[in-house]
Protein backbone atom coordinates (compact mmCIF):
# COMPACT_ATOMS: atom_id res chain seq x y z
CA MET A 1 -14.82 18.70 0.50
CA LYS A 2 -11.48 18.06 2.14
CA PRO A 3 -8.74 16.88 -0.23
CA PHE A 4 -7.07 13.49 0.02
CA LEU A 5 -3.39 13.43 0.89
CA ILE A 6 -1.32 11.17 -1.35
CA LEU A 7 2.13 10.44 0.02
CA ARG A 8 4.72 9.19 -2.44
CA LEU A 9 7.52 7.06 -1.01
CA ARG A 10 9.39 6.17 -4.20
CA PRO A 11 12.66 8.05 -4.85
CA GLU A 12 12.48 7.06 -8.54
CA ALA A 13 10.64 10.00 -10.16
CA GLU A 14 9.22 7.97 -13.06
CA ALA A 15 7.83 5.30 -10.74
CA ALA A 16 6.44 7.89 -8.33
CA ASP A 17 4.67 9.78 -11.12
CA ASN A 18 3.27 6.59 -12.63
CA GLU A 19 1.95 5.41 -9.27
CA PHE A 20 0.38 8.81 -8.58
CA GLU A 21 -1.44 8.74 -11.91
CA ALA A 22 -2.63 5.17 -11.20
CA ILE A 23 -4.04 6.17 -7.81
CA LEU A 24 -5.92 9.08 -9.38
CA ALA A 25 -7.30 6.93 -12.20
CA LYS A 26 -8.27 3.89 -10.13
CA GLY A 27 -9.54 5.95 -7.20
CA GLY A 28 -11.68 8.24 -9.35
CA LEU A 29 -9.80 11.30 -8.15
CA ALA A 30 -9.06 14.53 -9.99
CA ARG A 31 -5.90 16.51 -9.36
CA GLU A 32 -7.88 19.18 -7.56
CA ASP A 33 -9.15 16.51 -5.15
CA VAL A 34 -5.70 15.76 -3.75
CA ARG A 35 -2.53 17.13 -2.29
CA ARG A 36 0.54 15.20 -3.34
CA ILE A 37 3.73 15.12 -1.28
CA ARG A 38 6.84 13.23 -2.33
CA LEU A 39 8.52 12.40 0.95
CA ASP A 40 11.82 11.71 -0.80
CA VAL A 41 11.82 15.39 -1.81
CA GLU A 42 10.00 16.89 1.20
CA PRO A 43 10.63 14.59 4.18
CA ASP A 44 10.23 17.53 6.57
CA ALA A 45 6.99 18.84 5.07
CA GLU A 46 4.56 20.12 7.68
CA ILE A 47 1.52 17.85 7.49
CA ASP A 48 -1.67 18.12 9.52
CA VAL A 49 -3.36 14.82 8.70
CA GLY A 50 -6.61 16.06 10.21
CA GLU A 51 -6.98 18.50 7.32
CA PHE A 52 -7.57 15.69 4.83
CA ALA A 53 -10.47 13.41 3.94
CA GLY A 54 -8.02 10.52 3.98
CA VAL A 55 -4.36 9.61 3.57
CA ILE A 56 -3.24 7.25 0.78
CA VAL A 57 0.31 5.91 0.94
CA GLY A 58 1.87 4.12 -2.00
CA GLY A 59 4.66 1.60 -2.18
CA GLY A 60 8.40 1.99 -2.34
CA PRO A 61 11.65 0.04 -2.39
CA GLY A 62 12.37 0.62 1.30
CA CYS A 63 12.15 -2.06 3.98
CA VAL A 64 11.42 -1.17 7.60
CA SER A 65 13.14 -4.41 8.66
CA ASP A 66 16.53 -3.38 7.26
CA ALA A 67 19.14 -2.28 9.77
CA PRO A 68 19.38 1.52 10.04
CA GLU A 69 22.97 1.52 8.79
CA ALA A 70 21.90 -0.39 5.68
CA LYS A 71 19.39 2.25 4.66
CA ALA A 72 20.24 5.05 2.29
CA PRO A 73 19.74 8.56 3.73
CA THR A 74 16.68 9.16 1.52
CA GLU A 75 15.13 5.87 2.61
CA ARG A 76 15.70 6.70 6.29
CA ALA A 77 14.17 10.14 5.83
CA ILE A 78 11.06 8.71 4.14
CA GLU A 79 10.57 6.09 6.86
CA GLU A 80 11.07 8.60 9.67
CA ALA A 81 8.56 10.98 8.06
CA MET A 82 5.95 8.24 7.83
CA LEU A 83 6.50 7.06 11.39
CA ARG A 84 6.04 10.61 12.65
CA LEU A 85 2.54 10.64 11.13
CA MET A 86 1.37 7.23 12.31
CA PRO A 87 0.71 8.00 16.02
CA GLU A 88 -1.88 10.66 15.20
CA ILE A 89 -3.44 8.61 12.39
CA VAL A 90 -3.84 5.55 14.61
CA THR A 91 -4.82 7.36 17.81
CA ARG A 92 -7.46 9.47 16.06
CA ASP A 93 -8.50 6.59 13.77
CA LEU A 94 -8.17 8.81 10.72
CA PRO A 95 -8.92 7.36 7.26
CA PHE A 96 -5.70 5.78 6.00
CA LEU A 97 -4.87 3.35 3.21
CA GLY A 98 -1.27 2.16 3.17
CA CYS A 99 -0.31 0.04 0.17
CA CYS A 100 2.59 -2.47 0.24
CA TYR A 101 5.28 -0.48 2.09
CA GLY A 102 2.35 1.06 3.97
CA ILE A 103 1.43 -2.23 5.68
CA GLY A 104 5.00 -2.55 6.93
CA ILE A 105 4.92 0.99 8.29
CA LEU A 106 1.60 0.42 10.08
CA ALA A 107 2.66 -2.94 11.54
CA HIS A 108 6.05 -1.59 12.64
CA HIS A 109 4.37 1.36 14.35
CA LEU A 110 2.03 -1.03 16.18
CA GLY A 111 4.95 -3.14 17.37
CA ALA A 112 4.34 -6.20 15.18
CA PRO A 113 7.27 -8.04 13.58
CA VAL A 114 8.08 -7.15 9.97
CA ALA A 115 10.84 -9.27 8.46
CA LYS A 116 12.22 -11.04 5.41
CA ASP A 117 12.10 -14.42 7.19
CA ARG A 118 8.84 -15.56 5.61
CA TRP A 119 6.25 -14.59 3.03
CA SER A 120 8.13 -12.33 0.67
CA GLU A 121 6.36 -12.56 -2.69
CA ALA A 122 7.83 -12.54 -6.17
CA VAL A 123 6.47 -10.03 -8.66
CA GLY A 124 3.14 -11.31 -9.95
CA ALA A 125 -0.45 -11.97 -8.97
CA ALA A 126 -1.26 -13.36 -5.51
CA ASP A 127 -4.28 -15.62 -4.95
CA CYS A 128 -6.13 -13.50 -2.38
CA ARG A 129 -9.14 -14.62 -0.30
CA LEU A 130 -11.45 -12.69 1.98
CA THR A 131 -11.49 -13.75 5.61
CA GLU A 132 -14.76 -13.95 7.54
CA ALA A 133 -14.10 -10.44 8.84
CA GLY A 134 -13.25 -9.29 5.33
CA ARG A 135 -16.61 -10.39 3.97
CA VAL A 136 -18.40 -7.84 6.16
CA ASP A 137 -15.86 -5.00 6.03
CA PRO A 138 -17.23 -1.79 4.43
CA LEU A 139 -14.47 -1.71 1.79
CA LEU A 140 -14.79 -5.40 0.89
CA GLU A 141 -18.41 -6.44 1.40
CA GLY A 142 -19.86 -7.94 -1.78
CA LEU A 143 -16.52 -8.42 -3.52
CA PRO A 144 -15.56 -11.89 -4.79
CA ALA A 145 -14.39 -14.19 -2.02
CA ARG A 146 -11.27 -14.94 -4.07
CA PHE A 147 -9.40 -12.59 -6.41
CA GLY A 148 -6.00 -11.89 -7.91
CA ALA A 149 -3.90 -8.92 -6.82
CA PHE A 150 -0.47 -7.70 -7.89
CA VAL A 151 2.34 -8.06 -5.35
CA GLY A 152 6.10 -7.89 -5.16
CA HIS A 153 7.91 -7.36 -1.86
CA LYS A 154 10.99 -8.47 0.06
CA GLU A 155 9.61 -8.23 3.61
CA ALA A 156 6.25 -9.07 5.16
CA VAL A 157 4.25 -8.72 8.35
CA GLN A 158 4.98 -11.84 10.42
CA ALA A 159 2.09 -11.65 12.90
CA LEU A 160 -1.18 -9.76 13.08
CA PRO A 161 -0.54 -6.43 14.83
CA GLN A 162 -2.32 -5.86 18.14
CA GLY A 163 -5.70 -4.21 17.65
CA CYS A 164 -5.94 -5.18 13.98
CA VAL A 165 -8.55 -7.18 12.10
CA HIS A 166 -7.37 -9.62 9.42
CA LEU A 167 -9.33 -8.96 6.21
CA VAL A 168 -7.54 -10.64 3.27
CA GLU A 169 -5.14 -13.57 3.14
CA ALA A 170 -3.23 -15.57 0.53
CA PRO A 171 -1.29 -18.85 0.62
CA SER A 172 1.86 -17.02 -0.42
CA CYS A 173 1.56 -14.33 2.28
CA PRO A 174 -1.15 -14.44 4.96
CA PHE A 175 -1.47 -10.76 5.81
CA GLN A 176 -2.65 -9.20 2.56
CA MET A 177 -5.02 -6.65 4.11
CA ILE A 178 -5.63 -5.54 7.68
CA ARG A 179 -7.61 -2.84 9.48
CA HIS A 180 -6.89 -1.06 12.75
CA GLY A 181 -9.87 0.57 14.42
CA ALA A 182 -12.60 1.50 11.96
CA ASN A 183 -10.68 3.53 9.40
CA VAL A 184 -6.97 2.64 9.28
CA TYR A 185 -6.36 0.14 6.46
CA ALA A 186 -3.26 -1.38 4.91
CA THR A 187 -2.71 -3.81 2.06
CA GLN A 188 0.29 -5.90 1.09
CA PHE A 189 -0.96 -5.94 -2.51
CA HIS A 190 -1.26 -2.91 -4.79
CA PRO A 191 -4.89 -1.82 -5.24
CA GLU A 192 -3.86 0.86 -7.74
CA ALA A 193 -1.94 -1.46 -10.05
CA ASP A 194 -3.06 -3.05 -13.28
CA ALA A 195 -0.88 -5.10 -15.62
CA GLU A 196 0.56 -2.09 -17.44
CA VAL A 197 1.41 -0.32 -14.18
CA PHE A 198 3.26 -3.42 -13.02
CA ALA A 199 5.00 -3.81 -16.38
CA PHE A 200 6.26 -0.25 -15.94
CA ARG A 201 7.56 -1.03 -12.44
CA ILE A 202 9.26 -4.20 -13.64
CA ARG A 203 11.24 -2.02 -16.04
CA ILE A 204 12.09 0.55 -13.36
CA TYR A 205 13.06 -1.99 -10.68
CA ARG A 206 14.64 -4.71 -12.78
CA ASP A 207 17.97 -4.23 -10.96
CA ALA A 208 16.54 -3.61 -7.47
CA GLY A 209 16.72 -7.20 -6.22
CA TYR A 210 13.04 -8.15 -6.51
CA PHE A 211 13.85 -10.61 -9.31
CA ARG A 212 16.71 -11.56 -11.59
CA PRO A 213 17.01 -9.01 -14.43
CA GLU A 214 16.79 -11.74 -17.05
CA GLU A 215 13.33 -12.64 -15.72
CA ALA A 216 11.86 -9.22 -16.53
CA ASP A 217 10.28 -10.14 -19.86
CA ALA A 218 8.68 -13.32 -18.51
CA LEU A 219 7.33 -11.50 -15.45
CA THR A 220 5.87 -8.78 -17.64
CA ALA A 221 4.14 -11.37 -19.81
CA ALA A 222 2.79 -13.16 -16.73
CA CYS A 223 1.37 -9.93 -15.31
CA ARG A 224 -0.34 -9.13 -18.59
CA ALA A 225 -1.87 -12.61 -18.65
CA ALA A 226 -3.15 -12.44 -15.05
CA GLU A 227 -6.79 -11.77 -14.17
CA VAL A 228 -6.55 -8.79 -11.82
CA SER A 229 -9.47 -6.38 -11.61
CA VAL A 230 -10.95 -6.52 -8.10
CA PRO A 231 -8.27 -4.64 -6.09
CA GLU A 232 -8.98 -1.29 -7.73
CA SER A 233 -12.52 -1.55 -6.35
CA ILE A 234 -11.04 -1.36 -2.85
CA LEU A 235 -9.29 1.90 -3.67
CA GLN A 236 -12.47 3.25 -5.26
CA ARG A 237 -14.49 2.32 -2.17
CA PHE A 238 -11.99 3.93 0.16
CA VAL A 239 -12.19 7.19 -1.77
CA ALA A 240 -15.98 7.08 -2.05
CA ARG A 241 -16.50 6.30 1.63
CA TYR A 242 -14.29 9.03 3.00
CA ARG A 243 -15.07 11.57 0.33
CA GLN A 244 -18.59 11.45 1.80
CA GLY A 245 -17.17 12.00 5.28
CA SER A 246 -18.08 8.58 6.68
CA SER A 247 -15.91 7.34 9.53
CA GLY A 248 -18.18 4.94 11.31
CA GLY A 249 -17.22 1.44 12.36
């Protein structure tokens, strides 16, 4: 079986490690099933995406909509590394699941607007709903029509990218999950995150501008009180589908 490639985009080592462990646990993956690359450490790593069963991209504090001069060197290197991979992934329709920052990367590559103008979401649980297309998508079919999912982001996709299917929406941010072709997926929410994972991130990012630092305790309590269990099924289904080598539409 080909391994899955897990790309880490977070320069904060604790957050990157915690997210990696969450993806393994929620995806049903063992360490020997994956290759992990931290792009903040190895932005120039040689990657042949065709060697992998699928590519899973986590979140990160970067924003593709920020002006180049406003981005730290590490952030620019991470973004450039991801954008170098996207043409082959999209053209070959290779299995891809981009989470949070990943939807911005995919949309930006496809030429769709990504901005902070509308639909940023505070840290917490979004009220997600399947679209008509989502109800029949292989990763979503049979899931509840409405479910909670953890979010927290400063920018958002402003219009559906060309060639994409809209799968999940929410009143707070319409483009919660999209698909390009048959196998390239991206979510605005975090399918790997449960309440404790988000509580950990609230601690790590309390001074990163997602929320006022004095709100951290209340946000942590709200996350722990939220009903969020469905999103991890999407990650599990992605792994199961492409572990078996399926790539049909």
